[in-house]
C-alpha atoms as a PDB file:
ATOM      1  CA  MET A   1     121.310  55.349 128.836  1.00  0.00           C
ATOM      2  CA  ARG A   2     119.325  58.042 127.102  1.00  0.00           C
ATOM      3  CA  HIS A   3     121.696  60.666 125.823  1.00  0.00           C
ATOM      4  CA  ARG A   4     120.581  64.137 126.718  1.00  0.00           C
ATOM      5  CA  ILE A   5     122.237  66.137 124.005  1.00  0.00           C
ATOM      6  CA  ALA A   6     120.397  69.449 124.098  1.00  0.00           C
ATOM      7  CA  GLY A   7     123.333  71.670 123.204  1.00  0.00           C
ATOM      8  CA  ARG A   8     124.778  72.574 119.837  1.00  0.00           C
ATOM      9  CA  LYS A   9     123.704  70.618 116.782  1.00  0.00           C
ATOM     10  CA  LEU A  10     127.127  70.940 115.119  1.00  0.00           C
ATOM     11  CA  SER A  11     125.494  70.637 111.655  1.00  0.00           C
ATOM     12  CA  ARG A  12     125.062  66.873 112.040  1.00  0.00           C
ATOM     13  CA  PRO A  13     122.141  64.471 112.342  1.00  0.00           C
ATOM     14  CA  THR A  14     121.379  63.417 115.916  1.00  0.00           C
ATOM     15  CA  ALA A  15     122.802  59.882 115.716  1.00  0.00           C
ATOM     16  CA  HIS A  16     126.027  61.079 114.089  1.00  0.00           C
ATOM     17  CA  ARG A  17     126.447  63.902 116.630  1.00  0.00           C
ATOM     18  CA  ILE A  18     125.938  61.605 119.625  1.00  0.00           C
ATOM     19  CA  SER A  19     128.324  59.007 118.210  1.00  0.00           C
ATOM     20  CA  MET A  20     130.959  61.657 117.469  1.00  0.00           C
ATOM     21  CA  LEU A  21     130.721  63.147 120.974  1.00  0.00           C
ATOM     22  CA  ARG A  22     130.883  59.714 122.642  1.00  0.00           C
ATOM     23  CA  THR A  23     133.995  58.829 120.636  1.00  0.00           C
ATOM     24  CA  ALA A  24     135.629  62.199 121.315  1.00  0.00           C
ATOM     25  CA  THR A  25     134.876  61.912 125.050  1.00  0.00           C
ATOM     26  CA  THR A  26     136.404  58.433 125.096  1.00  0.00           C
ATOM     27  CA  ASP A  27     139.503  59.729 123.278  1.00  0.00           C
ATOM     28  CA  LEU A  28     139.800  62.652 125.692  1.00  0.00           C
ATOM     29  CA  LEU A  29     139.761  60.324 128.697  1.00  0.00           C
ATOM     30  CA  ARG A  30     142.191  57.931 126.987  1.00  0.00           C
ATOM     31  CA  HIS A  31     144.798  60.519 125.927  1.00  0.00           C
ATOM     32  CA  GLU A  32     143.865  63.296 128.413  1.00  0.00           C
ATOM     33  CA  THR A  33     144.117  65.918 125.658  1.00  0.00           C
ATOM     34  CA  LEU A  34     142.312  66.492 122.367  1.00  0.00           C
ATOM     35  CA  ARG A  35     142.615  69.076 119.566  1.00  0.00           C
ATOM     36  CA  THR A  36     139.294  69.954 117.965  1.00  0.00           C
ATOM     37  CA  THR A  37     137.073  72.889 117.061  1.00  0.00           C
ATOM     38  CA  GLU A  38     135.982  75.213 119.834  1.00  0.00           C
ATOM     39  CA  ALA A  39     132.268  74.330 119.505  1.00  0.00           C
ATOM     40  CA  LYS A  40     132.968  70.592 119.666  1.00  0.00           C
ATOM     41  CA  ALA A  41     135.299  71.099 122.639  1.00  0.00           C
ATOM     42  CA  LYS A  42     132.509  72.818 124.575  1.00  0.00           C
ATOM     43  CA  GLU A  43     130.125  69.931 123.903  1.00  0.00           C
ATOM     44  CA  ILE A  44     132.777  67.325 124.725  1.00  0.00           C
ATOM     45  CA  ARG A  45     133.399  69.142 128.018  1.00  0.00           C
ATOM     46  CA  ARG A  46     129.710  68.799 128.985  1.00  0.00           C
ATOM     47  CA  MET A  47     129.776  65.041 128.406  1.00  0.00           C
ATOM     48  CA  ALA A  48     133.227  64.460 129.941  1.00  0.00           C
ATOM     49  CA  GLU A  49     132.426  66.358 133.144  1.00  0.00           C
ATOM     50  CA  LYS A  50     129.342  64.199 133.730  1.00  0.00           C
ATOM     51  CA  VAL A  51     131.228  60.954 133.049  1.00  0.00           C
ATOM     52  CA  ILE A  52     134.121  61.899 135.357  1.00  0.00           C
ATOM     53  CA  THR A  53     131.635  62.747 138.109  1.00  0.00           C
ATOM     54  CA  ARG A  54     130.222  59.230 137.656  1.00  0.00           C
ATOM     55  CA  GLY A  55     133.781  57.873 137.936  1.00  0.00           C
ATOM     56  CA  LYS A  56     134.177  59.357 141.411  1.00  0.00           C
ATOM     57  CA  LYS A  57     131.456  57.056 142.752  1.00  0.00           C
ATOM     58  CA  ASN A  58     132.699  53.522 142.177  1.00  0.00           C
ATOM     59  CA  THR A  59     129.465  51.536 142.085  1.00  0.00           C
ATOM     60  CA  LEU A  60     128.123  49.027 139.581  1.00  0.00           C
ATOM     61  CA  HIS A  61     125.387  51.466 138.592  1.00  0.00           C
ATOM     62  CA  SER A  62     127.924  54.244 137.936  1.00  0.00           C
ATOM     63  CA  ARG A  63     130.089  51.852 135.892  1.00  0.00           C
ATOM     64  CA  ARG A  64     127.156  50.849 133.723  1.00  0.00           C
ATOM     65  CA  LEU A  65     126.103  54.452 133.156  1.00  0.00           C
ATOM     66  CA  ALA A  66     129.676  55.392 132.218  1.00  0.00           C
ATOM     67  CA  ALA A  67     129.987  52.349 129.934  1.00  0.00           C
ATOM     68  CA  ALA A  68     126.815  53.484 128.150  1.00  0.00           C
ATOM     69  CA  VAL A  69     128.619  56.687 127.139  1.00  0.00           C
ATOM     70  CA  LEU A  70     132.219  55.529 126.635  1.00  0.00           C
ATOM     71  CA  THR A  71     133.067  53.286 123.693  1.00  0.00           C
ATOM     72  CA  ASP A  72     136.049  51.385 125.147  1.00  0.00           C
ATOM     73  CA  GLY A  73     136.135  49.131 128.224  1.00  0.00           C
ATOM     74  CA  ARG A  74     139.759  50.009 128.967  1.00  0.00           C
ATOM     75  CA  VAL A  75     138.815  53.679 129.227  1.00  0.00           C
ATOM     76  CA  VAL A  76     135.973  52.773 131.610  1.00  0.00           C
ATOM     77  CA  ARG A  77     138.508  50.977 133.810  1.00  0.00           C
ATOM     78  CA  LYS A  78     140.872  53.955 133.613  1.00  0.00           C
ATOM     79  CA  LEU A  79     138.013  56.252 134.590  1.00  0.00           C
ATOM     80  CA  PHE A  80     137.256  54.320 137.780  1.00  0.00           C
ATOM     81  CA  ASP A  81     140.829  53.250 138.664  1.00  0.00           C
ATOM     82  CA  GLU A  82     142.787  56.441 137.901  1.00  0.00           C
ATOM     83  CA  LEU A  83     140.622  59.448 137.066  1.00  0.00           C
ATOM     84  CA  GLY A  84     137.929  58.992 139.727  1.00  0.00           C
ATOM     85  CA  PRO A  85     140.431  58.867 142.610  1.00  0.00           C
ATOM     86  CA  ARG A  86     142.440  61.739 141.071  1.00  0.00           C
ATOM     87  CA  TYR A  87     139.436  64.089 141.132  1.00  0.00           C
ATOM     88  CA  GLU A  88     137.843  62.753 144.317  1.00  0.00           C
ATOM     89  CA  ASP A  89     138.256  66.027 146.236  1.00  0.00           C
ATOM     90  CA  ARG A  90     137.493  68.281 143.262  1.00  0.00           C
ATOM     91  CA  PRO A  91     133.857  69.488 143.053  1.00  0.00           C
ATOM     92  CA  GLY A  92     133.921  69.915 139.263  1.00  0.00           C
ATOM     93  CA  GLY A  93     135.942  71.631 136.559  1.00  0.00           C
ATOM     94  CA  TYR A  94     137.908  68.563 135.487  1.00  0.00           C
ATOM     95  CA  THR A  95     138.661  69.926 132.011  1.00  0.00           C
ATOM     96  CA  ARG A  96     140.081  73.096 130.502  1.00  0.00           C
ATOM     97  CA  ILE A  97     139.743  74.513 127.014  1.00  0.00           C
ATOM     98  CA  VAL A  98     142.638  76.472 125.513  1.00  0.00           C
ATOM     99  CA  LYS A  99     141.820  78.440 122.358  1.00  0.00           C
ATOM    100  CA  LEU A 100     144.351  78.096 119.533  1.00  0.00           C
ATOM    101  CA  GLY A 101     143.149  80.495 116.849  1.00  0.00           C
ATOM    102  CA  THR A 102     141.699  79.641 113.460  1.00  0.00           C
ATOM    103  CA  ARG A 103     142.281  76.664 111.202  1.00  0.00           C
ATOM    104  CA  LYS A 104     143.923  77.473 107.876  1.00  0.00           C
ATOM    105  CA  GLY A 105     141.504  75.639 105.599  1.00  0.00           C
ATOM    106  CA  ASP A 106     138.119  76.925 106.735  1.00  0.00           C
ATOM    107  CA  ALA A 107     138.938  79.463 109.461  1.00  0.00           C
ATOM    108  CA  ALA A 108     137.192  77.376 112.126  1.00  0.00           C
ATOM    109  CA  SER A 109     138.229  78.386 115.642  1.00  0.00           C
ATOM    110  CA  MET A 110     140.344  75.588 117.082  1.00  0.00           C
ATOM    111  CA  ALA A 111     140.936  74.625 120.710  1.00  0.00           C
ATOM    112  CA  ILE A 112     142.640  72.041 122.867  1.00  0.00           C
ATOM    113  CA  ILE A 113     140.533  70.387 125.554  1.00  0.00           C
ATOM    114  CA  GLU A 114     142.525  68.683 128.277  1.00  0.00           C
ATOM    115  CA  LEU A 115     142.041  67.156 131.698  1.00  0.00           C
ATOM    116  CA  MET A 116     143.239  69.189 134.628  1.00  0.00           C
ATOM    117  CA  PRO A 117     146.252  67.770 136.499  1.00  0.00           C
END
């Protein structure tokens, strides 16, 4: 799947940025919450929302497209077995970002991104 990452560059080369966002999206779906910087959280939200929407339609094509983004097969199964049915009636807005303030070391604005119940 071609990754359409047109948002923030996050001061990283393209391959590193895509890999980081794929891993963070996988971790978000695995643990259902993630603490990161606010800018990364906003980019993770874009990717996670699209993947969860794919999870609502349980077809082979949707599974393959989701597996192209997620880095763990168990998370792909969780997406289609648990998360897809959970958000079946929800038209979007599967995640929420809660701002935490600044990080002590570099004053980066931190946030928690989590899946909605």
